[in-house]
Amino acid sequence: LIVAIGVYAKVQKATVRDTFLIDPAVILIVVGVVMFFITFCGCIGALRENIRLLKTVIDITDTLLILAQCSVSDLTRDALGKFVKKAIVHYRDDLDLQNLMDYIQKEFKCCGWNNYTDWSWNLYFNCTHNNPSSERCSVPYSCCTPVPGEAVINTMCGFGVQTQNFLEANKSIYPVGCADRAVRWIESHLLLVGALALGLALPQVSHRLMCNRGRSLHVMLDNVSKRGGY
């Protein structure tokens, strides 16, 4: 179902080629394929008692756990920074990408990757003097802090913000970059991540112990049968 939704979303829109790897529809397809492969191997392996397929499921899960542990490394942070930079550059080229960036900035209460001036990477928000865009030196509305008592969002709240210093911008937007917010979120949820990792690891360890015991029992029975044959 996830793969079908991702394929449908990708077919229904025409996007620039450079945004293929960061397209939410493509990410949805990849996640769906991985989930299908894991569940398929686990189901068939359990029904057929195929140790090789079950080991494949365990190996894939171990790989995902290792990737999750590496997500806080500097290398992954740099890769994520390149991902966000490309998303900022193509913000107006892909509606799904635009919605994704708006969601991230609103949820993490941040703007850009390092800070709000990162939006100069975008052609429309670029703050150079020769930029004819009406959005020059602006930031998306998702960077703006909500006004108490106002239910309707002012989509022009970020106009001209890049010309302001940090203290001035802090009055109307979230000037802090999403990089710092993401690190803080990971640090505050380390206990949850550790509990999930432990929950995934325990069944694997118990399964391996049971497999080893089963092998030992099988070898012992073979030896007994061979001795009885003599």
C-alpha atoms as a PDB file:
ATOM      1  CA  LEU A   1       0.000   0.000   0.000  1.00  0.00           C
ATOM      2  CA  ILE A   2       2.810   2.412   0.914  1.00  0.00           C
ATOM      3  CA  VAL A   3       4.631   1.590  -2.343  1.00  0.00           C
ATOM      4  CA  ALA A   4       1.425   2.093  -4.345  1.00  0.00           C
ATOM      5  CA  ILE A   5       0.798   5.490  -2.743  1.00  0.00           C
ATOM      6  CA  GLY A   6       4.392   6.545  -3.407  1.00  0.00           C
ATOM      7  CA  VAL A   7       4.265   5.432  -7.066  1.00  0.00           C
ATOM      8  CA  TYR A   8       0.921   7.187  -7.581  1.00  0.00           C
ATOM      9  CA  ALA A   9       2.247  10.410  -6.047  1.00  0.00           C
ATOM     10  CA  LYS A  10       5.375  10.273  -8.218  1.00  0.00           C
ATOM     11  CA  VAL A  11       3.437   9.599 -11.434  1.00  0.00           C
ATOM     12  CA  GLN A  12       0.892  12.340 -10.771  1.00  0.00           C
ATOM     13  CA  LYS A  13       3.477  15.120 -10.640  1.00  0.00           C
ATOM     14  CA  ALA A  14       6.306  16.281 -12.863  1.00  0.00           C
ATOM     15  CA  THR A  15       9.340  17.448 -10.881  1.00  0.00           C
ATOM     16  CA  VAL A  16      12.827  18.563 -11.812  1.00  0.00           C
ATOM     17  CA  ARG A  17      15.341  15.759 -12.118  1.00  0.00           C
ATOM     18  CA  ASP A  18      17.657  17.159  -9.429  1.00  0.00           C
ATOM     19  CA  THR A  19      15.020  16.644  -6.719  1.00  0.00           C
ATOM     20  CA  PHE A  20      14.555  12.914  -7.397  1.00  0.00           C
ATOM     21  CA  LEU A  21      16.537  11.668  -4.373  1.00  0.00           C
ATOM     22  CA  ILE A  22      14.855  14.088  -1.954  1.00  0.00           C
ATOM     23  CA  ASP A  23      11.357  13.659  -3.364  1.00  0.00           C
ATOM     24  CA  PRO A  24       9.002  12.564  -0.527  1.00  0.00           C
ATOM     25  CA  ALA A  25       7.228  10.238  -2.984  1.00  0.00           C
ATOM     26  CA  VAL A  26      10.512   8.464  -3.773  1.00  0.00           C
ATOM     27  CA  ILE A  27      11.336   8.200  -0.059  1.00  0.00           C
ATOM     28  CA  LEU A  28       7.875   6.699   0.509  1.00  0.00           C
ATOM     29  CA  ILE A  29       8.501   4.114  -2.232  1.00  0.00           C
ATOM     30  CA  VAL A  30      11.883   3.123  -0.766  1.00  0.00           C
ATOM     31  CA  VAL A  31      10.457   2.774   2.757  1.00  0.00           C
ATOM     32  CA  GLY A  32       7.569   0.703   1.426  1.00  0.00           C
ATOM     33  CA  VAL A  33       9.879  -1.636  -0.503  1.00  0.00           C
ATOM     34  CA  VAL A  34      12.122  -2.170   2.545  1.00  0.00           C
ATOM     35  CA  MET A  35       9.123  -2.838   4.814  1.00  0.00           C
ATOM     36  CA  PHE A  36       7.629  -5.285   2.285  1.00  0.00           C
ATOM     37  CA  PHE A  37      10.938  -7.149   1.915  1.00  0.00           C
ATOM     38  CA  ILE A  38      11.393  -7.469   5.692  1.00  0.00           C
ATOM     39  CA  THR A  39       7.834  -8.655   6.350  1.00  0.00           C
ATOM     40  CA  PHE A  40       7.912 -11.023   3.350  1.00  0.00           C
ATOM     41  CA  CYS A  41      11.171 -12.662   4.464  1.00  0.00           C
ATOM     42  CA  GLY A  42       9.949 -12.890   8.057  1.00  0.00           C
ATOM     43  CA  CYS A  43       6.580 -14.390   7.111  1.00  0.00           C
ATOM     44  CA  ILE A  44       7.915 -16.932   4.599  1.00  0.00           C
ATOM     45  CA  GLY A  45      10.852 -17.773   6.854  1.00  0.00           C
ATOM     46  CA  ALA A  46       8.549 -18.487   9.791  1.00  0.00           C
ATOM     47  CA  LEU A  47       6.051 -20.517   7.756  1.00  0.00           C
ATOM     48  CA  ARG A  48       8.688 -22.568   5.940  1.00  0.00           C
ATOM     49  CA  GLU A  49      11.041 -22.661   8.920  1.00  0.00           C
ATOM     50  CA  ASN A  50      13.705 -21.291   6.598  1.00  0.00           C
ATOM     51  CA  ILE A  51      16.677 -20.242   8.741  1.00  0.00           C
ATOM     52  CA  ARG A  52      18.294 -18.353   5.860  1.00  0.00           C
ATOM     53  CA  LEU A  53      15.314 -16.028   5.394  1.00  0.00           C
ATOM     54  CA  LEU A  54      15.043 -15.438   9.142  1.00  0.00           C
ATOM     55  CA  LYS A  55      18.741 -14.576   9.251  1.00  0.00           C
ATOM     56  CA  THR A  56      18.143 -12.119   6.405  1.00  0.00           C
ATOM     57  CA  VAL A  57      15.470 -10.365   8.478  1.00  0.00           C
ATOM     58  CA  ILE A  58      17.828 -10.195  11.466  1.00  0.00           C
ATOM     59  CA  ASP A  59      20.688  -8.839   9.350  1.00  0.00           C
ATOM     60  CA  ILE A  60      18.482  -6.129   7.827  1.00  0.00           C
ATOM     61  CA  THR A  61      17.219  -5.124  11.274  1.00  0.00           C
ATOM     62  CA  ASP A  62      20.792  -4.995  12.580  1.00  0.00           C
ATOM     63  CA  THR A  63      21.759  -2.762   9.655  1.00  0.00           C
ATOM     64  CA  LEU A  64      18.862  -0.401  10.372  1.00  0.00           C
ATOM     65  CA  LEU A  65      19.887  -0.251  14.041  1.00  0.00           C
ATOM     66  CA  ILE A  66      23.465   0.598  13.078  1.00  0.00           C
ATOM     67  CA  LEU A  67      22.212   3.346  10.765  1.00  0.00           C
ATOM     68  CA  ALA A  68      20.042   4.702  13.590  1.00  0.00           C
ATOM     69  CA  GLN A  69      23.047   4.760  15.931  1.00  0.00           C
ATOM     70  CA  CYS A  70      25.132   6.549  13.295  1.00  0.00           C
ATOM     71  CA  SER A  71      22.425   9.185  12.811  1.00  0.00           C
ATOM     72  CA  VAL A  72      23.984  11.378  15.502  1.00  0.00           C
ATOM     73  CA  SER A  73      27.452  11.325  13.934  1.00  0.00           C
ATOM     74  CA  ASP A  74      29.042  14.342  12.245  1.00  0.00           C
ATOM     75  CA  LEU A  75      29.113  12.516   8.908  1.00  0.00           C
ATOM     76  CA  THR A  76      25.363  11.958   8.981  1.00  0.00           C
ATOM     77  CA  ARG A  77      24.803  15.548  10.067  1.00  0.00           C
ATOM     78  CA  ASP A  78      26.759  16.766   7.031  1.00  0.00           C
ATOM     79  CA  ALA A  79      24.771  14.480   4.733  1.00  0.00           C
ATOM     80  CA  LEU A  80      21.509  15.712   6.254  1.00  0.00           C
ATOM     81  CA  GLY A  81      22.737  19.287   5.822  1.00  0.00           C
ATOM     82  CA  LYS A  82      23.258  18.675   2.097  1.00  0.00           C
ATOM     83  CA  PHE A  83      19.778  17.158   1.919  1.00  0.00           C
ATOM     84  CA  VAL A  84      18.187  20.222   3.562  1.00  0.00           C
ATOM     85  CA  LYS A  85      20.230  22.615   1.400  1.00  0.00           C
ATOM     86  CA  LYS A  86      18.960  20.918  -1.744  1.00  0.00           C
ATOM     87  CA  ALA A  87      15.429  21.022  -0.336  1.00  0.00           C
ATOM     88  CA  ILE A  88      15.788  24.776   0.270  1.00  0.00           C
ATOM     89  CA  VAL A  89      17.138  25.355  -3.250  1.00  0.00           C
ATOM     90  CA  HIS A  90      14.172  23.528  -4.826  1.00  0.00           C
ATOM     91  CA  TYR A  91      11.568  24.753  -2.326  1.00  0.00           C
ATOM     92  CA  ARG A  92       9.358  26.304  -5.010  1.00  0.00           C
ATOM     93  CA  ASP A  93       9.919  23.544  -7.578  1.00  0.00           C
ATOM     94  CA  ASP A  94       8.146  20.698  -5.759  1.00  0.00           C
ATOM     95  CA  LEU A  95       4.950  21.099  -3.726  1.00  0.00           C
ATOM     96  CA  ASP A  96       5.600  17.947  -1.674  1.00  0.00           C
ATOM     97  CA  LEU A  97       9.116  19.146  -0.873  1.00  0.00           C
ATOM     98  CA  GLN A  98       7.717  22.535   0.082  1.00  0.00           C
ATOM     99  CA  ASN A  99       5.171  20.965   2.434  1.00  0.00           C
ATOM    100  CA  LEU A 100       7.889  18.772   3.973  1.00  0.00           C
ATOM    101  CA  MET A 101      10.162  21.751   4.698  1.00  0.00           C
ATOM    102  CA  ASP A 102       7.246  23.734   6.123  1.00  0.00           C
ATOM    103  CA  TYR A 103       6.334  20.811   8.389  1.00  0.00           C
ATOM    104  CA  ILE A 104       9.920  20.418   9.641  1.00  0.00           C
ATOM    105  CA  GLN A 105      10.319  24.124  10.373  1.00  0.00           C
ATOM    106  CA  LYS A 106       6.976  24.398  12.155  1.00  0.00           C
ATOM    107  CA  GLU A 107       7.484  21.249  14.232  1.00  0.00           C
ATOM    108  CA  PHE A 108      11.087  21.986  15.242  1.00  0.00           C
ATOM    109  CA  LYS A 109      10.472  25.760  15.435  1.00  0.00           C
ATOM    110  CA  CYS A 110      13.481  26.533  13.279  1.00  0.00           C
ATOM    111  CA  CYS A 111      14.391  28.274  10.033  1.00  0.00           C
ATOM    112  CA  GLY A 112      16.935  27.065   7.495  1.00  0.00           C
ATOM    113  CA  TRP A 113      19.713  24.634   8.363  1.00  0.00           C
ATOM    114  CA  ASN A 114      22.276  26.819  10.154  1.00  0.00           C
ATOM    115  CA  ASN A 115      20.036  29.886  10.548  1.00  0.00           C
ATOM    116  CA  TYR A 116      17.364  31.892   8.743  1.00  0.00           C
ATOM    117  CA  THR A 117      19.815  33.430   6.225  1.00  0.00           C
ATOM    118  CA  ASP A 118      20.216  29.994   4.605  1.00  0.00           C
ATOM    119  CA  TRP A 119      17.103  30.802   2.593  1.00  0.00           C
ATOM    120  CA  SER A 120      19.308  32.947   0.350  1.00  0.00           C
ATOM    121  CA  TRP A 121      20.217  29.610  -1.272  1.00  0.00           C
ATOM    122  CA  ASN A 122      16.782  29.721  -2.877  1.00  0.00           C
ATOM    123  CA  LEU A 123      16.386  31.641  -6.136  1.00  0.00           C
ATOM    124  CA  TYR A 124      13.253  33.447  -4.966  1.00  0.00           C
ATOM    125  CA  PHE A 125      14.426  34.281  -1.434  1.00  0.00           C
ATOM    126  CA  ASN A 126      17.989  35.197  -2.447  1.00  0.00           C
ATOM    127  CA  CYS A 127      19.024  38.462  -0.804  1.00  0.00           C
ATOM    128  CA  THR A 128      21.305  39.850  -3.525  1.00  0.00           C
ATOM    129  CA  HIS A 129      20.501  43.313  -4.920  1.00  0.00           C
ATOM    130  CA  ASN A 130      20.023  42.059  -8.490  1.00  0.00           C
ATOM    131  CA  ASN A 131      17.285  39.592  -7.488  1.00  0.00           C
ATOM    132  CA  PRO A 132      14.011  40.811  -9.092  1.00  0.00           C
ATOM    133  CA  SER A 133      11.808  38.450  -7.047  1.00  0.00           C
ATOM    134  CA  SER A 134       9.129  39.992  -4.838  1.00  0.00           C
ATOM    135  CA  GLU A 135      10.230  37.534  -2.116  1.00  0.00           C
ATOM    136  CA  ARG A 136      13.819  38.829  -2.046  1.00  0.00           C
ATOM    137  CA  CYS A 137      15.409  38.633   1.447  1.00  0.00           C
ATOM    138  CA  SER A 138      12.330  36.820   2.782  1.00  0.00           C
ATOM    139  CA  VAL A 139      11.750  33.446   4.458  1.00  0.00           C
ATOM    140  CA  PRO A 140       8.762  31.056   4.230  1.00  0.00           C
ATOM    141  CA  TYR A 141       5.806  31.571   6.532  1.00  0.00           C
ATOM    142  CA  SER A 142       6.689  28.333   8.354  1.00  0.00           C
ATOM    143  CA  CYS A 143       9.625  30.185   9.939  1.00  0.00           C
ATOM    144  CA  CYS A 144       7.296  32.684  11.606  1.00  0.00           C
ATOM    145  CA  THR A 145       6.320  32.564  15.255  1.00  0.00           C
ATOM    146  CA  PRO A 146       2.541  32.296  15.770  1.00  0.00           C
ATOM    147  CA  VAL A 147       0.774  35.437  16.916  1.00  0.00           C
ATOM    148  CA  PRO A 148      -1.358  34.807  20.048  1.00  0.00           C
ATOM    149  CA  GLY A 149      -5.065  35.153  19.363  1.00  0.00           C
ATOM    150  CA  GLU A 150      -4.757  35.021  15.564  1.00  0.00           C
ATOM    151  CA  ALA A 151      -6.133  31.873  13.928  1.00  0.00           C
ATOM    152  CA  VAL A 152      -5.281  32.918  10.355  1.00  0.00           C
ATOM    153  CA  ILE A 153      -1.604  32.635   9.401  1.00  0.00           C
ATOM    154  CA  ASN A 154      -0.029  35.694   7.792  1.00  0.00           C
ATOM    155  CA  THR A 155       1.887  34.210   4.851  1.00  0.00           C
ATOM    156  CA  MET A 156       3.802  37.490   4.396  1.00  0.00           C
ATOM    157  CA  CYS A 157       5.197  37.512   7.929  1.00  0.00           C
ATOM    158  CA  GLY A 158       8.690  36.573   6.735  1.00  0.00           C
ATOM    159  CA  PHE A 159       9.115  39.317   4.134  1.00  0.00           C
ATOM    160  CA  GLY A 160      12.457  41.142   4.359  1.00  0.00           C
ATOM    161  CA  VAL A 161      13.556  39.234   7.471  1.00  0.00           C
ATOM    162  CA  GLN A 162      16.995  38.355   6.069  1.00  0.00           C
ATOM    163  CA  THR A 163      17.970  42.032   6.178  1.00  0.00           C
ATOM    164  CA  GLN A 164      17.452  42.054   9.954  1.00  0.00           C
ATOM    165  CA  ASN A 165      19.955  40.968  12.590  1.00  0.00           C
ATOM    166  CA  PHE A 166      19.376  37.990  14.873  1.00  0.00           C
ATOM    167  CA  LEU A 167      17.673  39.956  17.671  1.00  0.00           C
ATOM    168  CA  GLU A 168      15.345  41.799  15.308  1.00  0.00           C
ATOM    169  CA  ALA A 169      14.443  38.632  13.414  1.00  0.00           C
ATOM    170  CA  ASN A 170      13.750  36.832  16.692  1.00  0.00           C
ATOM    171  CA  LYS A 171      10.705  39.074  17.195  1.00  0.00           C
ATOM    172  CA  SER A 172       8.846  37.606  14.218  1.00  0.00           C
ATOM    173  CA  ILE A 173      10.487  34.274  13.251  1.00  0.00           C
ATOM    174  CA  TYR A 174      12.444  31.343  14.655  1.00  0.00           C
ATOM    175  CA  PRO A 175      16.003  32.452  13.758  1.00  0.00           C
ATOM    176  CA  VAL A 176      17.679  29.252  15.000  1.00  0.00           C
ATOM    177  CA  GLY A 177      18.626  26.681  12.358  1.00  0.00           C
ATOM    178  CA  CYS A 178      17.084  23.220  12.200  1.00  0.00           C
ATOM    179  CA  ALA A 179      20.501  21.561  12.728  1.00  0.00           C
ATOM    180  CA  ASP A 180      20.657  22.597  16.397  1.00  0.00           C
ATOM    181  CA  ARG A 181      16.985  21.773  16.921  1.00  0.00           C
ATOM    182  CA  ALA A 182      17.442  18.294  15.457  1.00  0.00           C
ATOM    183  CA  VAL A 183      20.422  17.574  17.731  1.00  0.00           C
ATOM    184  CA  ARG A 184      18.451  18.731  20.775  1.00  0.00           C
ATOM    185  CA  TRP A 185      15.494  16.554  19.759  1.00  0.00           C
ATOM    186  CA  ILE A 186      17.726  13.481  19.414  1.00  0.00           C
ATOM    187  CA  GLU A 187      19.395  14.164  22.767  1.00  0.00           C
ATOM    188  CA  SER A 188      16.031  14.574  24.501  1.00  0.00           C
ATOM    189  CA  HIS A 189      14.722  11.317  22.988  1.00  0.00           C
ATOM    190  CA  LEU A 190      17.803   9.147  23.547  1.00  0.00           C
ATOM    191  CA  LEU A 191      15.968   7.092  26.192  1.00  0.00           C
ATOM    192  CA  LEU A 192      13.146   6.318  23.761  1.00  0.00           C
ATOM    193  CA  VAL A 193      15.600   5.441  20.971  1.00  0.00           C
ATOM    194  CA  GLY A 194      17.541   3.194  23.362  1.00  0.00           C
ATOM    195  CA  ALA A 195      14.359   1.442  24.500  1.00  0.00           C
ATOM    196  CA  LEU A 196      13.326   0.801  20.899  1.00  0.00           C
ATOM    197  CA  ALA A 197      16.784  -0.524  20.053  1.00  0.00           C
ATOM    198  CA  LEU A 198      16.691  -2.816  23.091  1.00  0.00           C
ATOM    199  CA  GLY A 199      13.220  -4.020  22.170  1.00  0.00           C
ATOM    200  CA  LEU A 200      14.422  -4.889  18.678  1.00  0.00           C
ATOM    201  CA  ALA A 201      17.634  -6.505  19.897  1.00  0.00           C
ATOM    202  CA  LEU A 202      16.143  -8.833  22.543  1.00  0.00           C
ATOM    203  CA  PRO A 203      14.065 -10.955  20.120  1.00  0.00           C
ATOM    204  CA  GLN A 204      17.092 -11.288  17.842  1.00  0.00           C
ATOM    205  CA  VAL A 205      19.352 -12.434  20.673  1.00  0.00           C
ATOM    206  CA  SER A 206      16.770 -14.914  21.954  1.00  0.00           C
ATOM    207  CA  HIS A 207      16.194 -16.214  18.423  1.00  0.00           C
ATOM    208  CA  ARG A 208      19.908 -16.768  17.899  1.00  0.00           C
ATOM    209  CA  LEU A 209      20.198 -18.575  21.229  1.00  0.00           C
ATOM    210  CA  MET A 210      17.289 -20.824  20.295  1.00  0.00           C
ATOM    211  CA  CYS A 211      18.880 -21.528  16.904  1.00  0.00           C
ATOM    212  CA  ASN A 212      22.185 -22.434  18.549  1.00  0.00           C
ATOM    213  CA  ARG A 213      20.438 -24.726  21.023  1.00  0.00           C
ATOM    214  CA  GLY A 214      18.473 -26.315  18.200  1.00  0.00           C
ATOM    215  CA  ARG A 215      21.639 -26.963  16.252  1.00  0.00           C
ATOM    216  CA  SER A 216      23.363 -28.443  19.290  1.00  0.00           C
ATOM    217  CA  LEU A 217      20.388 -30.713  19.941  1.00  0.00           C
ATOM    218  CA  HIS A 218      20.294 -31.741  16.282  1.00  0.00           C
ATOM    219  CA  VAL A 219      24.021 -32.597  16.299  1.00  0.00           C
ATOM    220  CA  MET A 220      23.635 -34.536  19.544  1.00  0.00           C
ATOM    221  CA  LEU A 221      20.716 -36.567  18.156  1.00  0.00           C
ATOM    222  CA  ASP A 222      22.692 -37.301  14.986  1.00  0.00           C
ATOM    223  CA  ASN A 223      25.623 -38.545  17.042  1.00  0.00           C
ATOM    224  CA  VAL A 224      23.335 -40.734  19.148  1.00  0.00           C
ATOM    225  CA  SER A 225      21.681 -42.205  16.048  1.00  0.00           C
ATOM    226  CA  LYS A 226      25.059 -42.907  14.458  1.00  0.00           C
ATOM    227  CA  ARG A 227      26.288 -44.665  17.592  1.00  0.00           C
ATOM    228  CA  GLY A 228      23.096 -46.694  17.737  1.00  0.00           C
ATOM    229  CA  GLY A 229      23.648 -47.693  14.111  1.00  0.00           C
ATOM    230  CA  TYR A 230      27.063 -49.083  14.941  1.00  0.00           C
END
